[in-house]
Amino acid sequence: MTISDLPALNATLNATSAVLLTTGWFLIRSGRMTAHKRCMIAAFTASSLFLVSYVTYHAQAGSKHYPGTGFLRTLYLSILIPHVTLAAIVLPLAIVTLSRGLRGDYDRHQRLARWTLPIWLFVSVTGVIVYLMLYQWV
């Protein structure tokens, strides 16, 4: 694996996280607490691996600017800006939400998870879209 392979790995880790988050939500809705816990730990692990890979890639390769113009550039930026903003917010939210769940502080865990899940899911899905727009569609 080379540095140039990391963007595809990052998108895969984001997609994996999105699938695990969605699965975890369905599991807790159906009362399967242990399976939910495992799924959410796996989602956190996938997102953590993404972060390490993302930082490694950008430390080595720098930034890549969107080459498109017009409507597609506007669309790309309208996805990228909230993605980056919420990505900065979701890390501490995910850490606190996960730690509350692992400690058994379920009331506070659930109150925060109602915010964390949609933000985390948005960041994971838009991460894949940003990758596709930046590396595949142009």
C-alpha atoms as a PDB file:
ATOM      1  CA  MET A   1       0.000   0.000   0.000  1.00  0.00           C
ATOM      2  CA  THR A   2       1.297   3.437  -0.923  1.00  0.00           C
ATOM      3  CA  ILE A   3       0.334   6.960   0.100  1.00  0.00           C
ATOM      4  CA  SER A   4      -1.757   7.278  -3.064  1.00  0.00           C
ATOM      5  CA  ASP A   5      -3.923   4.362  -1.862  1.00  0.00           C
ATOM      6  CA  LEU A   6      -4.906   6.096   1.378  1.00  0.00           C
ATOM      7  CA  PRO A   7      -7.794   8.227   0.039  1.00  0.00           C
ATOM      8  CA  ALA A   8      -9.587   5.051  -1.098  1.00  0.00           C
ATOM      9  CA  LEU A   9      -8.841   3.428   2.270  1.00  0.00           C
ATOM     10  CA  ASN A  10     -10.202   6.530   4.007  1.00  0.00           C
ATOM     11  CA  ALA A  11     -13.431   6.358   2.008  1.00  0.00           C
ATOM     12  CA  THR A  12     -13.744   2.657   2.820  1.00  0.00           C
ATOM     13  CA  LEU A  13     -13.264   3.324   6.525  1.00  0.00           C
ATOM     14  CA  ASN A  14     -15.861   6.116   6.390  1.00  0.00           C
ATOM     15  CA  ALA A  15     -18.334   3.846   4.599  1.00  0.00           C
ATOM     16  CA  THR A  16     -17.654   1.073   7.105  1.00  0.00           C
ATOM     17  CA  SER A  17     -18.278   3.467   9.960  1.00  0.00           C
ATOM     18  CA  ALA A  18     -21.565   4.598   8.391  1.00  0.00           C
ATOM     19  CA  VAL A  19     -22.756   1.002   8.011  1.00  0.00           C
ATOM     20  CA  LEU A  20     -21.738   0.155  11.584  1.00  0.00           C
ATOM     21  CA  LEU A  21     -23.431   3.273  12.983  1.00  0.00           C
ATOM     22  CA  THR A  22     -26.653   2.468  11.161  1.00  0.00           C
ATOM     23  CA  THR A  23     -26.504  -1.173  12.224  1.00  0.00           C
ATOM     24  CA  GLY A  24     -25.802  -0.137  15.813  1.00  0.00           C
ATOM     25  CA  TRP A  25     -28.827   2.153  15.787  1.00  0.00           C
ATOM     26  CA  PHE A  26     -31.075  -0.649  14.545  1.00  0.00           C
ATOM     27  CA  LEU A  27     -29.625  -3.017  17.136  1.00  0.00           C
ATOM     28  CA  ILE A  28     -30.323  -0.720  20.090  1.00  0.00           C
ATOM     29  CA  ARG A  29     -33.817   0.014  18.753  1.00  0.00           C
ATOM     30  CA  SER A  30     -34.469  -3.734  18.822  1.00  0.00           C
ATOM     31  CA  GLY A  31     -33.097  -4.072  22.372  1.00  0.00           C
ATOM     32  CA  ARG A  32     -29.893  -5.900  21.446  1.00  0.00           C
ATOM     33  CA  MET A  33     -27.623  -3.976  23.799  1.00  0.00           C
ATOM     34  CA  THR A  34     -24.517  -6.199  23.616  1.00  0.00           C
ATOM     35  CA  ALA A  35     -24.568  -6.289  19.808  1.00  0.00           C
ATOM     36  CA  HIS A  36     -25.130  -2.508  19.776  1.00  0.00           C
ATOM     37  CA  LYS A  37     -22.127  -1.996  22.044  1.00  0.00           C
ATOM     38  CA  ARG A  38     -19.889  -4.135  19.832  1.00  0.00           C
ATOM     39  CA  CYS A  39     -21.084  -2.364  16.712  1.00  0.00           C
ATOM     40  CA  MET A  40     -20.486   1.097  18.127  1.00  0.00           C
ATOM     41  CA  ILE A  41     -16.993   0.158  19.356  1.00  0.00           C
ATOM     42  CA  ALA A  42     -16.278  -1.134  15.845  1.00  0.00           C
ATOM     43  CA  ALA A  43     -17.604   2.140  14.343  1.00  0.00           C
ATOM     44  CA  PHE A  44     -15.363   4.126  16.674  1.00  0.00           C
ATOM     45  CA  THR A  45     -12.416   1.921  15.721  1.00  0.00           C
ATOM     46  CA  ALA A  46     -13.086   2.396  11.992  1.00  0.00           C
ATOM     47  CA  SER A  47     -13.336   6.156  12.484  1.00  0.00           C
ATOM     48  CA  SER A  48     -10.138   6.185  14.550  1.00  0.00           C
ATOM     49  CA  LEU A  49      -8.289   4.259  11.850  1.00  0.00           C
ATOM     50  CA  PHE A  50      -9.679   6.733   9.323  1.00  0.00           C
ATOM     51  CA  LEU A  51      -8.292   9.644  11.332  1.00  0.00           C
ATOM     52  CA  VAL A  52      -4.816   8.088  11.514  1.00  0.00           C
ATOM     53  CA  SER A  53      -4.864   7.330   7.777  1.00  0.00           C
ATOM     54  CA  TYR A  54      -6.227  10.792   6.906  1.00  0.00           C
ATOM     55  CA  VAL A  55      -3.550  12.602   8.915  1.00  0.00           C
ATOM     56  CA  THR A  56      -0.835  10.341   7.473  1.00  0.00           C
ATOM     57  CA  TYR A  57      -1.997  11.002   3.914  1.00  0.00           C
ATOM     58  CA  HIS A  58      -2.245  14.764   4.290  1.00  0.00           C
ATOM     59  CA  ALA A  59       1.085  14.985   6.139  1.00  0.00           C
ATOM     60  CA  GLN A  60       2.726  13.246   3.175  1.00  0.00           C
ATOM     61  CA  ALA A  61       0.703  14.422   0.175  1.00  0.00           C
ATOM     62  CA  GLY A  62      -0.720  17.755   1.271  1.00  0.00           C
ATOM     63  CA  SER A  63      -4.141  18.973   0.209  1.00  0.00           C
ATOM     64  CA  LYS A  64      -5.879  18.257  -3.053  1.00  0.00           C
ATOM     65  CA  HIS A  65      -8.016  21.029  -4.461  1.00  0.00           C
ATOM     66  CA  TYR A  66     -11.228  20.308  -6.315  1.00  0.00           C
ATOM     67  CA  PRO A  67     -10.486  20.721 -10.023  1.00  0.00           C
ATOM     68  CA  GLY A  68     -14.068  21.197 -11.184  1.00  0.00           C
ATOM     69  CA  THR A  69     -15.800  24.489 -11.874  1.00  0.00           C
ATOM     70  CA  GLY A  70     -19.263  25.964 -11.925  1.00  0.00           C
ATOM     71  CA  PHE A  71     -22.148  24.126 -10.328  1.00  0.00           C
ATOM     72  CA  LEU A  72     -20.089  21.044  -9.424  1.00  0.00           C
ATOM     73  CA  ARG A  73     -17.540  23.164  -7.542  1.00  0.00           C
ATOM     74  CA  THR A  74     -20.357  24.899  -5.665  1.00  0.00           C
ATOM     75  CA  LEU A  75     -21.912  21.523  -4.863  1.00  0.00           C
ATOM     76  CA  TYR A  76     -18.553  20.141  -3.704  1.00  0.00           C
ATOM     77  CA  LEU A  77     -17.931  23.103  -1.405  1.00  0.00           C
ATOM     78  CA  SER A  78     -21.496  22.968  -0.050  1.00  0.00           C
ATOM     79  CA  ILE A  79     -20.791  19.384   1.031  1.00  0.00           C
ATOM     80  CA  LEU A  80     -17.176  19.923   2.119  1.00  0.00           C
ATOM     81  CA  ILE A  81     -17.726  22.910   4.425  1.00  0.00           C
ATOM     82  CA  PRO A  82     -20.315  21.296   6.733  1.00  0.00           C
ATOM     83  CA  HIS A  83     -18.405  17.996   6.510  1.00  0.00           C
ATOM     84  CA  VAL A  84     -15.190  19.579   7.822  1.00  0.00           C
ATOM     85  CA  THR A  85     -16.984  21.678  10.430  1.00  0.00           C
ATOM     86  CA  LEU A  86     -18.950  18.751  11.831  1.00  0.00           C
ATOM     87  CA  ALA A  87     -15.932  16.417  11.629  1.00  0.00           C
ATOM     88  CA  ALA A  88     -14.173  18.668  14.135  1.00  0.00           C
ATOM     89  CA  ILE A  89     -17.193  18.514  16.434  1.00  0.00           C
ATOM     90  CA  VAL A  90     -17.924  14.788  16.177  1.00  0.00           C
ATOM     91  CA  LEU A  91     -14.639  13.517  17.625  1.00  0.00           C
ATOM     92  CA  PRO A  92     -15.196  14.830  21.170  1.00  0.00           C
ATOM     93  CA  LEU A  93     -18.911  13.968  20.915  1.00  0.00           C
ATOM     94  CA  ALA A  94     -18.113  10.378  19.944  1.00  0.00           C
ATOM     95  CA  ILE A  95     -15.533   9.995  22.716  1.00  0.00           C
ATOM     96  CA  VAL A  96     -17.891  11.278  25.403  1.00  0.00           C
ATOM     97  CA  THR A  97     -20.881   9.329  24.063  1.00  0.00           C
ATOM     98  CA  LEU A  98     -18.893   6.103  23.880  1.00  0.00           C
ATOM     99  CA  SER A  99     -17.367   6.567  27.331  1.00  0.00           C
ATOM    100  CA  ARG A 100     -20.779   7.197  28.885  1.00  0.00           C
ATOM    101  CA  GLY A 101     -22.136   4.035  27.290  1.00  0.00           C
ATOM    102  CA  LEU A 102     -19.159   1.967  28.405  1.00  0.00           C
ATOM    103  CA  ARG A 103     -19.464   3.309  31.973  1.00  0.00           C
ATOM    104  CA  GLY A 104     -23.138   2.383  32.049  1.00  0.00           C
ATOM    105  CA  ASP A 105     -24.318   5.999  32.305  1.00  0.00           C
ATOM    106  CA  TYR A 106     -27.143   5.148  29.918  1.00  0.00           C
ATOM    107  CA  ASP A 107     -29.423   8.161  30.466  1.00  0.00           C
ATOM    108  CA  ARG A 108     -26.673  10.665  29.689  1.00  0.00           C
ATOM    109  CA  HIS A 109     -25.327   8.389  26.949  1.00  0.00           C
ATOM    110  CA  GLN A 110     -28.712   8.283  25.234  1.00  0.00           C
ATOM    111  CA  ARG A 111     -29.279  12.049  25.496  1.00  0.00           C
ATOM    112  CA  LEU A 112     -25.916  12.772  23.866  1.00  0.00           C
ATOM    113  CA  ALA A 113     -26.164   9.917  21.345  1.00  0.00           C
ATOM    114  CA  ARG A 114     -29.304  11.556  19.898  1.00  0.00           C
ATOM    115  CA  TRP A 115     -26.987  14.352  18.723  1.00  0.00           C
ATOM    116  CA  THR A 116     -23.826  12.357  18.120  1.00  0.00           C
ATOM    117  CA  LEU A 117     -25.307   9.698  15.835  1.00  0.00           C
ATOM    118  CA  PRO A 118     -26.745  11.964  13.119  1.00  0.00           C
ATOM    119  CA  ILE A 119     -23.646  14.179  13.111  1.00  0.00           C
ATOM    120  CA  TRP A 120     -21.284  11.195  12.988  1.00  0.00           C
ATOM    121  CA  LEU A 121     -23.363   9.534  10.281  1.00  0.00           C
ATOM    122  CA  PHE A 122     -23.432  12.765   8.245  1.00  0.00           C
ATOM    123  CA  VAL A 123     -19.648  13.121   8.518  1.00  0.00           C
ATOM    124  CA  SER A 124     -19.079   9.485   7.515  1.00  0.00           C
ATOM    125  CA  VAL A 125     -21.403   9.601   4.502  1.00  0.00           C
ATOM    126  CA  THR A 126     -20.240  12.995   3.278  1.00  0.00           C
ATOM    127  CA  GLY A 127     -16.647  11.805   3.669  1.00  0.00           C
ATOM    128  CA  VAL A 128     -17.367   9.147   1.056  1.00  0.00           C
ATOM    129  CA  ILE A 129     -19.081  11.708  -1.185  1.00  0.00           C
ATOM    130  CA  VAL A 130     -16.122  14.115  -0.884  1.00  0.00           C
ATOM    131  CA  TYR A 131     -13.764  11.284  -1.826  1.00  0.00           C
ATOM    132  CA  LEU A 132     -15.866  10.336  -4.850  1.00  0.00           C
ATOM    133  CA  MET A 133     -16.113  13.938  -6.021  1.00  0.00           C
ATOM    134  CA  LEU A 134     -12.417  14.624  -5.501  1.00  0.00           C
ATOM    135  CA  TYR A 135     -10.818  11.403  -6.722  1.00  0.00           C
ATOM    136  CA  GLN A 136     -13.337   9.535  -8.874  1.00  0.00           C
ATOM    137  CA  TRP A 137     -15.818  11.813 -10.618  1.00  0.00           C
ATOM    138  CA  VAL A 138     -13.480  14.476 -11.978  1.00  0.00           C
END
